[in-house]
Amino acid sequence: MTTGRTGTPTGRIALAEALERYLLPDGTAAARYESLRKDAARGGNLYLGHKRIEAVKQSGRWMVDAGEFASAVSAVAKEQEAERRAIVQADADYDAHKLNPKGARLSWGSYYVSGPFHFVSSDYQRIRKRSDGGWICSGCWKQASLEHDNPECHTCSDWNGCGTDCTLSRVFCAPCGTSLSVA
């Protein structure tokens, strides 16, 4: 293998070697070999992050361009770092009671905003099927109260369980006096 003018490697190398050689900053591989091999077998391309890399089978081994692979691993590392920074910022904003109107991913869960309330979900509680989350007043940051006056949906009435809170009709905060009607 040779190195181009910019210092990036050029030439084809085996996919397994590329995964071992070009690691993320934390020392882990950018993807699993099996998933990349399956991608390559499906269409001659594999995907790392948002980058497409051509893969060619030679002598029973999947080969990739070393420079393209190194570039894709670098892009994945940058994407992961940007995601980590966004989560750290979202945690700080949430702790300071500043909400992103579009919602945000947090280190421990996520939230989305709807009117004067936001719905918070804890990954820990959701994964253990203890709670899907709850409504919080965005004004006083207290747990909101709920009214369930809507009729059950067709799925709930016939088969028991649509997986949503289909009977929810209103979210309100008694201390603040704010209210949100749910259709």
C-alpha atoms as a PDB file:
ATOM      1  CA  MET A   1       0.000   0.000   0.000  1.00  0.00           C
ATOM      2  CA  THR A   2       1.180   3.501  -0.751  1.00  0.00           C
ATOM      3  CA  THR A   3       0.435   6.896   0.698  1.00  0.00           C
ATOM      4  CA  GLY A   4      -0.944   9.762  -1.376  1.00  0.00           C
ATOM      5  CA  ARG A   5       0.260  13.397  -1.339  1.00  0.00           C
ATOM      6  CA  THR A   6      -2.100  14.271   1.525  1.00  0.00           C
ATOM      7  CA  GLY A   7      -0.760  11.470   3.697  1.00  0.00           C
ATOM      8  CA  THR A   8      -3.856   9.302   3.314  1.00  0.00           C
ATOM      9  CA  PRO A   9      -3.346   5.643   2.441  1.00  0.00           C
ATOM     10  CA  THR A  10      -4.195   4.482  -1.062  1.00  0.00           C
ATOM     11  CA  GLY A  11      -4.839   1.044  -2.497  1.00  0.00           C
ATOM     12  CA  ARG A  12      -7.067  -1.859  -1.601  1.00  0.00           C
ATOM     13  CA  ILE A  13      -6.750  -3.803   1.624  1.00  0.00           C
ATOM     14  CA  ALA A  14      -8.814  -6.593   3.146  1.00  0.00           C
ATOM     15  CA  LEU A  15     -11.923  -5.472   5.038  1.00  0.00           C
ATOM     16  CA  ALA A  16     -10.818  -7.333   8.190  1.00  0.00           C
ATOM     17  CA  GLU A  17      -7.441  -5.579   8.053  1.00  0.00           C
ATOM     18  CA  ALA A  18      -9.112  -2.203   7.538  1.00  0.00           C
ATOM     19  CA  LEU A  19     -11.255  -2.747  10.638  1.00  0.00           C
ATOM     20  CA  GLU A  20      -8.183  -3.612  12.700  1.00  0.00           C
ATOM     21  CA  ARG A  21      -6.032  -0.792  11.325  1.00  0.00           C
ATOM     22  CA  TYR A  22      -8.467   2.128  11.400  1.00  0.00           C
ATOM     23  CA  LEU A  23     -10.003   2.341  14.859  1.00  0.00           C
ATOM     24  CA  LEU A  24     -12.119   4.992  16.501  1.00  0.00           C
ATOM     25  CA  PRO A  25     -10.398   7.234  19.076  1.00  0.00           C
ATOM     26  CA  ASP A  26     -11.649   4.991  21.911  1.00  0.00           C
ATOM     27  CA  GLY A  27      -9.842   2.018  20.330  1.00  0.00           C
ATOM     28  CA  THR A  28     -12.946   0.222  19.088  1.00  0.00           C
ATOM     29  CA  ALA A  29     -13.833  -0.784  15.550  1.00  0.00           C
ATOM     30  CA  ALA A  30     -16.156   1.541  13.643  1.00  0.00           C
ATOM     31  CA  ALA A  31     -18.516  -1.358  12.864  1.00  0.00           C
ATOM     32  CA  ARG A  32     -18.840  -5.107  13.122  1.00  0.00           C
ATOM     33  CA  TYR A  33     -17.183  -7.165  10.411  1.00  0.00           C
ATOM     34  CA  GLU A  34     -20.268  -9.335   9.856  1.00  0.00           C
ATOM     35  CA  SER A  35     -22.609  -6.403   9.224  1.00  0.00           C
ATOM     36  CA  LEU A  36     -20.152  -4.778   6.783  1.00  0.00           C
ATOM     37  CA  ARG A  37     -19.596  -8.092   5.004  1.00  0.00           C
ATOM     38  CA  LYS A  38     -23.362  -8.549   4.607  1.00  0.00           C
ATOM     39  CA  ASP A  39     -23.695  -5.001   3.218  1.00  0.00           C
ATOM     40  CA  ALA A  40     -20.921  -5.727   0.731  1.00  0.00           C
ATOM     41  CA  ALA A  41     -22.500  -9.036  -0.322  1.00  0.00           C
ATOM     42  CA  ARG A  42     -25.866  -7.343  -0.923  1.00  0.00           C
ATOM     43  CA  GLY A  43     -24.694  -4.682  -3.312  1.00  0.00           C
ATOM     44  CA  GLY A  44     -20.956  -4.336  -3.484  1.00  0.00           C
ATOM     45  CA  ASN A  45     -20.967  -1.395  -1.087  1.00  0.00           C
ATOM     46  CA  LEU A  46     -20.664  -1.039   2.644  1.00  0.00           C
ATOM     47  CA  TYR A  47     -21.649   1.891   4.787  1.00  0.00           C
ATOM     48  CA  LEU A  48     -19.810   3.528   7.658  1.00  0.00           C
ATOM     49  CA  GLY A  49     -21.823   6.377   9.089  1.00  0.00           C
ATOM     50  CA  HIS A  50     -23.083   8.319   6.092  1.00  0.00           C
ATOM     51  CA  LYS A  51     -20.250   7.241   3.786  1.00  0.00           C
ATOM     52  CA  ARG A  52     -20.527   4.601   1.085  1.00  0.00           C
ATOM     53  CA  ILE A  53     -17.417   2.525   0.387  1.00  0.00           C
ATOM     54  CA  GLU A  54     -17.079   0.237  -2.601  1.00  0.00           C
ATOM     55  CA  ALA A  55     -16.148  -3.340  -1.699  1.00  0.00           C
ATOM     56  CA  VAL A  56     -14.764  -5.867  -4.165  1.00  0.00           C
ATOM     57  CA  LYS A  57     -14.364  -9.587  -3.542  1.00  0.00           C
ATOM     58  CA  GLN A  58     -10.913 -10.862  -4.502  1.00  0.00           C
ATOM     59  CA  SER A  59      -9.702 -14.370  -3.771  1.00  0.00           C
ATOM     60  CA  GLY A  60     -12.568 -14.909  -1.324  1.00  0.00           C
ATOM     61  CA  ARG A  61     -11.877 -11.743   0.687  1.00  0.00           C
ATOM     62  CA  TRP A  62     -13.703  -8.421   0.684  1.00  0.00           C
ATOM     63  CA  MET A  63     -11.327  -5.633  -0.290  1.00  0.00           C
ATOM     64  CA  VAL A  64     -11.843  -1.890   0.297  1.00  0.00           C
ATOM     65  CA  ASP A  65      -9.919   1.229  -0.586  1.00  0.00           C
ATOM     66  CA  ALA A  66      -7.776   2.070   2.449  1.00  0.00           C
ATOM     67  CA  GLY A  67      -8.117   5.847   1.991  1.00  0.00           C
ATOM     68  CA  GLU A  68     -11.898   5.735   1.663  1.00  0.00           C
ATOM     69  CA  PHE A  69     -12.149   3.473   4.713  1.00  0.00           C
ATOM     70  CA  ALA A  70      -9.861   5.696   6.803  1.00  0.00           C
ATOM     71  CA  SER A  71     -11.872   8.757   5.749  1.00  0.00           C
ATOM     72  CA  ALA A  72     -15.154   7.056   6.678  1.00  0.00           C
ATOM     73  CA  VAL A  73     -13.825   6.033  10.110  1.00  0.00           C
ATOM     74  CA  SER A  74     -12.715   9.628  10.685  1.00  0.00           C
ATOM     75  CA  ALA A  75     -16.188  10.869   9.701  1.00  0.00           C
ATOM     76  CA  VAL A  76     -17.847   8.373  12.085  1.00  0.00           C
ATOM     77  CA  ALA A  77     -15.568   9.573  14.904  1.00  0.00           C
ATOM     78  CA  LYS A  78     -16.537  13.197  14.189  1.00  0.00           C
ATOM     79  CA  GLU A  79     -20.252  12.287  14.101  1.00  0.00           C
ATOM     80  CA  GLN A  80     -19.984  10.439  17.418  1.00  0.00           C
ATOM     81  CA  GLU A  81     -18.102  13.329  19.033  1.00  0.00           C
ATOM     82  CA  ALA A  82     -20.710  15.823  17.797  1.00  0.00           C
ATOM     83  CA  GLU A  83     -23.461  13.587  19.192  1.00  0.00           C
ATOM     84  CA  ARG A  84     -21.661  13.353  22.561  1.00  0.00           C
ATOM     85  CA  ARG A  85     -21.284  17.145  22.721  1.00  0.00           C
ATOM     86  CA  ALA A  86     -24.962  17.607  21.820  1.00  0.00           C
ATOM     87  CA  ILE A  87     -26.018  15.236  24.621  1.00  0.00           C
ATOM     88  CA  VAL A  88     -23.774  16.988  27.166  1.00  0.00           C
ATOM     89  CA  GLN A  89     -25.257  20.351  26.094  1.00  0.00           C
ATOM     90  CA  ALA A  90     -28.816  18.968  26.213  1.00  0.00           C
ATOM     91  CA  ASP A  91     -28.187  17.641  29.751  1.00  0.00           C
ATOM     92  CA  ALA A  92     -26.885  21.043  30.875  1.00  0.00           C
ATOM     93  CA  ASP A  93     -29.807  22.853  29.237  1.00  0.00           C
ATOM     94  CA  TYR A  94     -32.346  20.488  30.793  1.00  0.00           C
ATOM     95  CA  ASP A  95     -30.779  20.921  34.241  1.00  0.00           C
ATOM     96  CA  ALA A  96     -31.038  24.709  33.716  1.00  0.00           C
ATOM     97  CA  HIS A  97     -34.722  24.273  32.698  1.00  0.00           C
ATOM     98  CA  LYS A  98     -34.058  25.354  29.103  1.00  0.00           C
ATOM     99  CA  LEU A  99     -35.970  23.188  26.666  1.00  0.00           C
ATOM    100  CA  ASN A 100     -35.314  22.717  22.969  1.00  0.00           C
ATOM    101  CA  PRO A 101     -38.695  23.129  21.215  1.00  0.00           C
ATOM    102  CA  LYS A 102     -37.818  20.147  19.014  1.00  0.00           C
ATOM    103  CA  GLY A 103     -37.009  17.956  22.016  1.00  0.00           C
ATOM    104  CA  ALA A 104     -33.649  16.398  22.757  1.00  0.00           C
ATOM    105  CA  ARG A 105     -31.754  13.223  23.466  1.00  0.00           C
ATOM    106  CA  LEU A 106     -30.300  13.217  26.986  1.00  0.00           C
ATOM    107  CA  SER A 107     -27.654  11.000  28.577  1.00  0.00           C
ATOM    108  CA  TRP A 108     -30.375   9.233  30.571  1.00  0.00           C
ATOM    109  CA  GLY A 109     -33.360   9.458  28.177  1.00  0.00           C
ATOM    110  CA  SER A 110     -35.147  11.997  26.029  1.00  0.00           C
ATOM    111  CA  TYR A 111     -37.971  14.526  25.955  1.00  0.00           C
ATOM    112  CA  TYR A 112     -40.270  16.250  23.511  1.00  0.00           C
ATOM    113  CA  VAL A 113     -42.193  19.473  23.970  1.00  0.00           C
ATOM    114  CA  SER A 114     -45.918  19.866  23.434  1.00  0.00           C
ATOM    115  CA  GLY A 115     -47.365  23.272  24.295  1.00  0.00           C
ATOM    116  CA  PRO A 116     -46.665  24.265  27.901  1.00  0.00           C
ATOM    117  CA  PHE A 117     -45.606  20.708  28.818  1.00  0.00           C
ATOM    118  CA  HIS A 118     -42.890  18.260  27.929  1.00  0.00           C
ATOM    119  CA  PHE A 119     -42.944  14.479  27.953  1.00  0.00           C
ATOM    120  CA  VAL A 120     -39.861  12.925  29.557  1.00  0.00           C
ATOM    121  CA  SER A 121     -38.800   9.325  29.085  1.00  0.00           C
ATOM    122  CA  SER A 122     -36.058   7.555  31.041  1.00  0.00           C
ATOM    123  CA  ASP A 123     -34.236   4.865  29.059  1.00  0.00           C
ATOM    124  CA  TYR A 124     -33.630   2.893  32.262  1.00  0.00           C
ATOM    125  CA  GLN A 125     -37.327   2.837  33.197  1.00  0.00           C
ATOM    126  CA  ARG A 126     -38.567   2.254  29.624  1.00  0.00           C
ATOM    127  CA  ILE A 127     -36.218  -0.657  28.903  1.00  0.00           C
ATOM    128  CA  ARG A 128     -37.245  -2.365  32.126  1.00  0.00           C
ATOM    129  CA  LYS A 129     -40.928  -1.782  31.229  1.00  0.00           C
ATOM    130  CA  ARG A 130     -41.462   0.151  34.450  1.00  0.00           C
ATOM    131  CA  SER A 131     -42.589   3.391  32.809  1.00  0.00           C
ATOM    132  CA  ASP A 132     -42.965   4.886  29.342  1.00  0.00           C
ATOM    133  CA  GLY A 133     -42.382   8.355  30.793  1.00  0.00           C
ATOM    134  CA  GLY A 134     -44.439  11.214  32.096  1.00  0.00           C
ATOM    135  CA  TRP A 135     -45.641  14.755  31.464  1.00  0.00           C
ATOM    136  CA  ILE A 136     -43.879  17.652  33.195  1.00  0.00           C
ATOM    137  CA  CYS A 137     -45.085  21.248  33.336  1.00  0.00           C
ATOM    138  CA  SER A 138     -42.526  23.394  31.509  1.00  0.00           C
ATOM    139  CA  GLY A 139     -43.430  26.386  33.715  1.00  0.00           C
ATOM    140  CA  CYS A 140     -43.028  25.051  37.270  1.00  0.00           C
ATOM    141  CA  TRP A 141     -41.333  21.725  36.401  1.00  0.00           C
ATOM    142  CA  LYS A 142     -43.790  19.682  38.489  1.00  0.00           C
ATOM    143  CA  GLN A 143     -45.431  16.432  37.446  1.00  0.00           C
ATOM    144  CA  ALA A 144     -48.527  17.198  35.363  1.00  0.00           C
ATOM    145  CA  SER A 145     -51.963  15.728  36.018  1.00  0.00           C
ATOM    146  CA  LEU A 146     -53.807  13.773  33.344  1.00  0.00           C
ATOM    147  CA  GLU A 147     -57.447  13.315  32.329  1.00  0.00           C
ATOM    148  CA  HIS A 148     -58.500  10.245  30.376  1.00  0.00           C
ATOM    149  CA  ASP A 149     -61.890  11.098  28.849  1.00  0.00           C
ATOM    150  CA  ASN A 150     -61.281  10.072  25.220  1.00  0.00           C
ATOM    151  CA  PRO A 151     -62.785   6.787  24.050  1.00  0.00           C
ATOM    152  CA  GLU A 152     -60.542   3.796  23.515  1.00  0.00           C
ATOM    153  CA  CYS A 153     -59.234   3.382  19.996  1.00  0.00           C
ATOM    154  CA  HIS A 154     -60.375   0.490  17.810  1.00  0.00           C
ATOM    155  CA  THR A 155     -57.290  -1.582  18.652  1.00  0.00           C
ATOM    156  CA  CYS A 156     -57.781  -1.187  22.416  1.00  0.00           C
ATOM    157  CA  SER A 157     -61.498  -1.884  22.340  1.00  0.00           C
ATOM    158  CA  ASP A 158     -61.152  -5.020  20.197  1.00  0.00           C
ATOM    159  CA  TRP A 159     -57.733  -6.462  20.988  1.00  0.00           C
ATOM    160  CA  ASN A 160     -56.643  -4.784  24.231  1.00  0.00           C
ATOM    161  CA  GLY A 161     -53.577  -2.624  23.815  1.00  0.00           C
ATOM    162  CA  CYS A 162     -52.503  -0.158  21.149  1.00  0.00           C
ATOM    163  CA  GLY A 163     -49.381   0.782  23.086  1.00  0.00           C
ATOM    164  CA  THR A 164     -50.274   4.472  23.300  1.00  0.00           C
ATOM    165  CA  ASP A 165     -52.217   6.470  25.853  1.00  0.00           C
ATOM    166  CA  CYS A 166     -55.187   6.721  23.476  1.00  0.00           C
ATOM    167  CA  THR A 167     -57.708   7.757  26.148  1.00  0.00           C
ATOM    168  CA  LEU A 168     -55.651  10.798  27.220  1.00  0.00           C
ATOM    169  CA  SER A 169     -57.776  13.909  26.764  1.00  0.00           C
ATOM    170  CA  ARG A 170     -56.019  16.600  28.772  1.00  0.00           C
ATOM    171  CA  VAL A 171     -52.687  17.352  30.421  1.00  0.00           C
ATOM    172  CA  PHE A 172     -52.838  20.039  33.093  1.00  0.00           C
ATOM    173  CA  CYS A 173     -50.888  21.601  35.928  1.00  0.00           C
ATOM    174  CA  ALA A 174     -53.024  22.608  38.914  1.00  0.00           C
ATOM    175  CA  PRO A 175     -50.365  24.871  40.551  1.00  0.00           C
ATOM    176  CA  CYS A 176     -49.771  26.848  37.325  1.00  0.00           C
ATOM    177  CA  GLY A 177     -53.240  26.604  35.881  1.00  0.00           C
ATOM    178  CA  THR A 178     -51.916  25.581  32.453  1.00  0.00           C
ATOM    179  CA  SER A 179     -53.694  23.023  30.357  1.00  0.00           C
ATOM    180  CA  LEU A 180     -53.237  21.163  27.086  1.00  0.00           C
ATOM    181  CA  SER A 181     -56.123  19.432  25.338  1.00  0.00           C
ATOM    182  CA  VAL A 182     -55.232  16.225  23.515  1.00  0.00           C
ATOM    183  CA  ALA A 183     -57.367  15.225  20.545  1.00  0.00           C
END
